[in-house]
Amino acid sequence: WNQVFAFTKDRIQSLSVEITVREKEFVNDEFIGKIAIDMSDIPTRVPPDSPLAPQWYKLEAEANSSVGELMMILWFGTQADEVFIDAWHSDVASVSGS
């Protein structure tokens, strides 16, 4: 966990962000749950603004039932953000890690 992902804003063509959580297994990845967040609910942070506080988001199962929660921070930022340099960037080759 403790991962940062950066996506180019002009490449996002949706009104919401969907985050899917899977348990990584040897044969296949088992679906745990997903979170959908409206883009209009995502705050903007520009350094040296104060860091945002993490929030709990309910993980929804495929049958619209809650299966747990995920703590995360989601924001619109800039390349000046201190975590940008360590982020996985969506416009580079795909990577896989543990």
N, C-alpha and C. Protein backbone atom coordinates (compact mmCIF):
# COMPACT_ATOMS: atom_id res chain seq x y z
N TRP A 1 0.86 -1.16 0.00
CA TRP A 1 0.00 0.00 0.00
C TRP A 1 0.90 1.22 0.00
N ASN A 2 0.53 2.30 0.59
CA ASN A 2 1.37 3.49 0.60
C ASN A 2 1.91 3.82 -0.79
N GLN A 3 1.05 3.87 -1.77
CA GLN A 3 1.44 4.14 -3.14
C GLN A 3 0.80 5.43 -3.62
N VAL A 4 1.51 6.12 -4.51
CA VAL A 4 1.00 7.37 -5.09
C VAL A 4 0.92 7.18 -6.59
N PHE A 5 -0.20 7.58 -7.17
CA PHE A 5 -0.43 7.47 -8.61
C PHE A 5 -0.73 8.86 -9.15
N ALA A 6 -0.14 9.19 -10.29
CA ALA A 6 -0.38 10.50 -10.92
C ALA A 6 -0.98 10.29 -12.30
N PHE A 7 -2.07 11.00 -12.56
CA PHE A 7 -2.76 10.91 -13.85
C PHE A 7 -2.84 12.31 -14.45
N THR A 8 -2.59 12.41 -15.74
CA THR A 8 -2.69 13.69 -16.42
C THR A 8 -4.16 14.08 -16.53
N LYS A 9 -4.50 15.25 -16.01
CA LYS A 9 -5.90 15.68 -15.94
C LYS A 9 -6.57 15.74 -17.30
N ASP A 10 -5.85 16.18 -18.33
CA ASP A 10 -6.47 16.31 -19.65
C ASP A 10 -6.73 14.96 -20.32
N ARG A 11 -6.21 13.87 -19.74
CA ARG A 11 -6.50 12.53 -20.26
C ARG A 11 -7.73 11.90 -19.62
N ILE A 12 -8.20 12.48 -18.54
CA ILE A 12 -9.37 11.95 -17.84
C ILE A 12 -10.62 12.47 -18.54
N GLN A 13 -11.45 11.55 -19.02
CA GLN A 13 -12.63 11.94 -19.77
C GLN A 13 -13.92 11.50 -19.09
N SER A 14 -13.85 11.26 -17.82
CA SER A 14 -15.00 10.77 -17.07
C SER A 14 -15.42 11.80 -16.03
N LEU A 15 -16.64 11.65 -15.54
CA LEU A 15 -17.14 12.52 -14.48
C LEU A 15 -16.87 11.93 -13.10
N SER A 16 -16.32 10.70 -13.08
CA SER A 16 -16.01 10.07 -11.80
C SER A 16 -14.73 9.24 -11.92
N VAL A 17 -14.18 8.93 -10.76
CA VAL A 17 -13.00 8.08 -10.66
C VAL A 17 -13.45 6.79 -10.00
N GLU A 18 -13.09 5.65 -10.56
CA GLU A 18 -13.42 4.36 -9.95
C GLU A 18 -12.12 3.67 -9.55
N ILE A 19 -12.05 3.27 -8.30
CA ILE A 19 -10.88 2.58 -7.76
C ILE A 19 -11.30 1.17 -7.41
N THR A 20 -10.61 0.20 -7.98
CA THR A 20 -10.91 -1.20 -7.74
C THR A 20 -9.81 -1.81 -6.88
N VAL A 21 -10.21 -2.54 -5.84
CA VAL A 21 -9.27 -3.20 -4.94
C VAL A 21 -9.37 -4.69 -5.19
N ARG A 22 -8.20 -5.29 -5.43
CA ARG A 22 -8.13 -6.74 -5.67
C ARG A 22 -7.08 -7.35 -4.77
N GLU A 23 -7.29 -8.60 -4.40
CA GLU A 23 -6.30 -9.36 -3.65
C GLU A 23 -5.42 -10.05 -4.67
N LYS A 24 -4.13 -9.75 -4.65
CA LYS A 24 -3.22 -10.32 -5.62
C LYS A 24 -2.92 -11.77 -5.23
N GLU A 25 -3.25 -12.68 -6.14
CA GLU A 25 -3.01 -14.09 -5.92
C GLU A 25 -2.18 -14.63 -7.08
N PHE A 26 -1.62 -15.81 -6.91
CA PHE A 26 -0.75 -16.40 -7.92
C PHE A 26 -1.50 -16.68 -9.22
N VAL A 27 -2.68 -17.26 -9.14
CA VAL A 27 -3.43 -17.64 -10.34
C VAL A 27 -4.21 -16.48 -10.93
N ASN A 28 -4.96 -15.79 -10.09
CA ASN A 28 -5.73 -14.63 -10.56
C ASN A 28 -5.91 -13.64 -9.41
N ASP A 29 -6.36 -12.46 -9.73
CA ASP A 29 -6.57 -11.43 -8.72
C ASP A 29 -8.05 -11.42 -8.34
N GLU A 30 -8.33 -11.68 -7.06
CA GLU A 30 -9.71 -11.74 -6.59
C GLU A 30 -10.25 -10.34 -6.29
N PHE A 31 -11.41 -10.02 -6.83
CA PHE A 31 -12.08 -8.73 -6.61
C PHE A 31 -12.49 -8.62 -5.14
N ILE A 32 -12.12 -7.51 -4.50
CA ILE A 32 -12.53 -7.26 -3.12
C ILE A 32 -13.65 -6.23 -3.09
N GLY A 33 -13.46 -5.12 -3.78
CA GLY A 33 -14.48 -4.07 -3.79
C GLY A 33 -14.03 -2.90 -4.64
N LYS A 34 -14.93 -1.92 -4.76
CA LYS A 34 -14.59 -0.73 -5.55
C LYS A 34 -15.19 0.51 -4.92
N ILE A 35 -14.61 1.66 -5.29
CA ILE A 35 -15.06 2.96 -4.82
C ILE A 35 -15.26 3.84 -6.05
N ALA A 36 -16.35 4.57 -6.10
CA ALA A 36 -16.57 5.53 -7.18
C ALA A 36 -16.70 6.92 -6.54
N ILE A 37 -15.92 7.88 -7.07
CA ILE A 37 -15.90 9.23 -6.53
C ILE A 37 -16.14 10.22 -7.66
N ASP A 38 -17.09 11.14 -7.46
CA ASP A 38 -17.34 12.18 -8.46
C ASP A 38 -16.13 13.10 -8.56
N MET A 39 -15.76 13.46 -9.77
CA MET A 39 -14.62 14.36 -9.98
C MET A 39 -14.85 15.70 -9.27
N SER A 40 -16.10 16.13 -9.20
CA SER A 40 -16.39 17.42 -8.56
C SER A 40 -16.15 17.38 -7.05
N ASP A 41 -16.05 16.18 -6.45
CA ASP A 41 -15.80 16.05 -5.02
C ASP A 41 -14.31 15.99 -4.67
N ILE A 42 -13.45 16.00 -5.69
CA ILE A 42 -12.01 15.88 -5.46
C ILE A 42 -11.42 17.28 -5.27
N PRO A 43 -10.76 17.50 -4.12
CA PRO A 43 -10.19 18.83 -3.86
C PRO A 43 -8.92 19.08 -4.67
N THR A 44 -8.56 20.36 -4.79
CA THR A 44 -7.32 20.76 -5.45
C THR A 44 -6.33 21.19 -4.38
N ARG A 45 -5.09 20.77 -4.53
CA ARG A 45 -4.03 21.14 -3.59
C ARG A 45 -2.84 21.62 -4.38
N VAL A 46 -2.35 22.81 -4.04
CA VAL A 46 -1.16 23.36 -4.68
C VAL A 46 -0.15 23.69 -3.59
N PRO A 47 1.02 23.02 -3.63
CA PRO A 47 2.03 23.35 -2.61
C PRO A 47 2.36 24.84 -2.66
N PRO A 48 2.53 25.50 -1.55
CA PRO A 48 2.76 24.92 -0.23
C PRO A 48 1.50 24.79 0.62
N ASP A 49 0.33 24.53 0.00
CA ASP A 49 -0.88 24.28 0.79
C ASP A 49 -0.61 23.18 1.81
N SER A 50 -1.36 23.20 2.87
CA SER A 50 -1.24 22.14 3.87
C SER A 50 -1.64 20.81 3.27
N PRO A 51 -1.02 19.71 3.73
CA PRO A 51 -1.41 18.39 3.25
C PRO A 51 -2.88 18.10 3.56
N LEU A 52 -3.49 17.31 2.73
CA LEU A 52 -4.88 16.91 2.95
C LEU A 52 -4.93 15.74 3.91
N ALA A 53 -5.99 15.65 4.67
CA ALA A 53 -6.15 14.54 5.61
C ALA A 53 -6.73 13.33 4.88
N PRO A 54 -6.24 12.14 5.20
CA PRO A 54 -6.83 10.94 4.60
C PRO A 54 -8.27 10.76 5.04
N GLN A 55 -9.05 10.11 4.19
CA GLN A 55 -10.45 9.84 4.49
C GLN A 55 -10.72 8.34 4.28
N TRP A 56 -11.74 7.86 4.98
CA TRP A 56 -12.20 6.49 4.79
C TRP A 56 -13.27 6.47 3.71
N TYR A 57 -13.15 5.54 2.77
CA TYR A 57 -14.13 5.36 1.70
C TYR A 57 -14.65 3.94 1.77
N LYS A 58 -15.97 3.78 1.64
CA LYS A 58 -16.58 2.45 1.69
C LYS A 58 -16.30 1.69 0.40
N LEU A 59 -15.82 0.46 0.56
CA LEU A 59 -15.64 -0.44 -0.58
C LEU A 59 -16.97 -1.12 -0.84
N GLU A 60 -17.44 -1.03 -2.06
CA GLU A 60 -18.69 -1.65 -2.44
C GLU A 60 -18.40 -2.95 -3.19
N ALA A 61 -19.13 -4.00 -2.83
CA ALA A 61 -19.01 -5.27 -3.55
C ALA A 61 -19.81 -5.17 -4.84
N GLU A 62 -19.69 -6.16 -5.66
CA GLU A 62 -20.42 -6.14 -6.93
C GLU A 62 -21.93 -6.08 -6.75
N ALA A 63 -22.43 -6.52 -5.63
CA ALA A 63 -23.88 -6.51 -5.37
C ALA A 63 -24.30 -5.28 -4.56
N ASN A 64 -23.53 -4.18 -4.66
CA ASN A 64 -23.81 -2.93 -3.96
C ASN A 64 -23.85 -3.07 -2.44
N SER A 65 -23.14 -4.02 -1.89
CA SER A 65 -23.06 -4.14 -0.44
C SER A 65 -21.66 -3.73 0.00
N SER A 66 -21.57 -3.13 1.18
CA SER A 66 -20.29 -2.67 1.70
C SER A 66 -19.48 -3.86 2.20
N VAL A 67 -18.20 -3.90 1.82
CA VAL A 67 -17.34 -5.01 2.22
C VAL A 67 -16.14 -4.54 3.05
N GLY A 68 -16.13 -3.28 3.39
CA GLY A 68 -15.02 -2.74 4.17
C GLY A 68 -14.76 -1.30 3.77
N GLU A 69 -13.63 -0.78 4.22
CA GLU A 69 -13.27 0.59 3.92
C GLU A 69 -11.80 0.69 3.53
N LEU A 70 -11.50 1.73 2.78
CA LEU A 70 -10.14 2.00 2.33
C LEU A 70 -9.81 3.43 2.72
N MET A 71 -8.68 3.63 3.41
CA MET A 71 -8.25 4.98 3.75
C MET A 71 -7.32 5.48 2.65
N MET A 72 -7.65 6.66 2.12
CA MET A 72 -6.81 7.22 1.08
C MET A 72 -7.01 8.73 0.99
N ILE A 73 -6.12 9.35 0.22
CA ILE A 73 -6.21 10.77 -0.08
C ILE A 73 -6.25 10.88 -1.59
N LEU A 74 -7.16 11.66 -2.10
CA LEU A 74 -7.32 11.86 -3.53
C LEU A 74 -7.42 13.36 -3.76
N TRP A 75 -6.58 13.90 -4.67
CA TRP A 75 -6.59 15.33 -4.92
C TRP A 75 -6.08 15.65 -6.31
N PHE A 76 -6.44 16.84 -6.79
CA PHE A 76 -5.85 17.40 -8.00
C PHE A 76 -4.64 18.19 -7.53
N GLY A 77 -3.48 17.91 -8.12
CA GLY A 77 -2.26 18.59 -7.71
C GLY A 77 -1.46 19.05 -8.91
N THR A 78 -0.22 19.38 -8.66
CA THR A 78 0.69 19.82 -9.72
C THR A 78 2.00 19.05 -9.60
N GLN A 79 2.86 19.26 -10.57
CA GLN A 79 4.18 18.62 -10.53
C GLN A 79 5.03 19.17 -9.39
N ALA A 80 4.62 20.29 -8.81
CA ALA A 80 5.34 20.86 -7.68
C ALA A 80 5.03 20.12 -6.37
N ASP A 81 4.05 19.24 -6.40
CA ASP A 81 3.68 18.48 -5.20
C ASP A 81 4.86 17.61 -4.78
N GLU A 82 5.15 17.57 -3.49
CA GLU A 82 6.32 16.84 -2.99
C GLU A 82 6.26 15.34 -3.25
N VAL A 83 5.08 14.77 -3.44
CA VAL A 83 4.98 13.33 -3.70
C VAL A 83 4.98 12.99 -5.19
N PHE A 84 4.94 14.00 -6.05
CA PHE A 84 4.86 13.77 -7.50
C PHE A 84 6.06 12.98 -8.02
N ILE A 85 7.23 13.28 -7.52
CA ILE A 85 8.44 12.62 -8.03
C ILE A 85 8.45 11.12 -7.75
N ASP A 86 7.80 10.67 -6.66
CA ASP A 86 7.76 9.26 -6.30
C ASP A 86 6.54 8.53 -6.83
N ALA A 87 5.67 9.24 -7.54
CA ALA A 87 4.40 8.66 -8.00
C ALA A 87 4.60 7.77 -9.22
N TRP A 88 3.69 6.79 -9.37
CA TRP A 88 3.59 6.04 -10.62
C TRP A 88 2.78 6.91 -11.56
N HIS A 89 3.33 7.16 -12.76
CA HIS A 89 2.69 8.08 -13.70
C HIS A 89 1.95 7.31 -14.78
N SER A 90 0.71 7.72 -15.03
CA SER A 90 -0.15 7.01 -15.98
C SER A 90 0.33 7.11 -17.42
N ASP A 91 1.19 8.07 -17.73
CA ASP A 91 1.64 8.24 -19.11
C ASP A 91 2.97 7.55 -19.39
N VAL A 92 3.37 6.62 -18.52
CA VAL A 92 4.58 5.82 -18.74
C VAL A 92 4.19 4.36 -18.90
N ALA A 93 5.14 3.53 -19.22
CA ALA A 93 4.88 2.10 -19.42
C ALA A 93 4.29 1.48 -18.16
N SER A 94 3.51 0.45 -18.35
CA SER A 94 2.87 -0.25 -17.24
C SER A 94 3.91 -0.96 -16.39
N VAL A 95 3.69 -0.94 -15.08
CA VAL A 95 4.58 -1.63 -14.15
C VAL A 95 3.76 -2.49 -13.21
N SER A 96 4.39 -3.49 -12.67
CA SER A 96 3.72 -4.35 -11.70
C SER A 96 4.65 -4.54 -10.52
N GLY A 97 4.13 -4.44 -9.33
CA GLY A 97 4.96 -4.62 -8.14
C GLY A 97 4.14 -5.11 -6.99
N SER A 98 4.82 -5.38 -5.90
CA SER A 98 4.10 -5.86 -4.72
C SER A 98 4.16 -4.85 -3.62
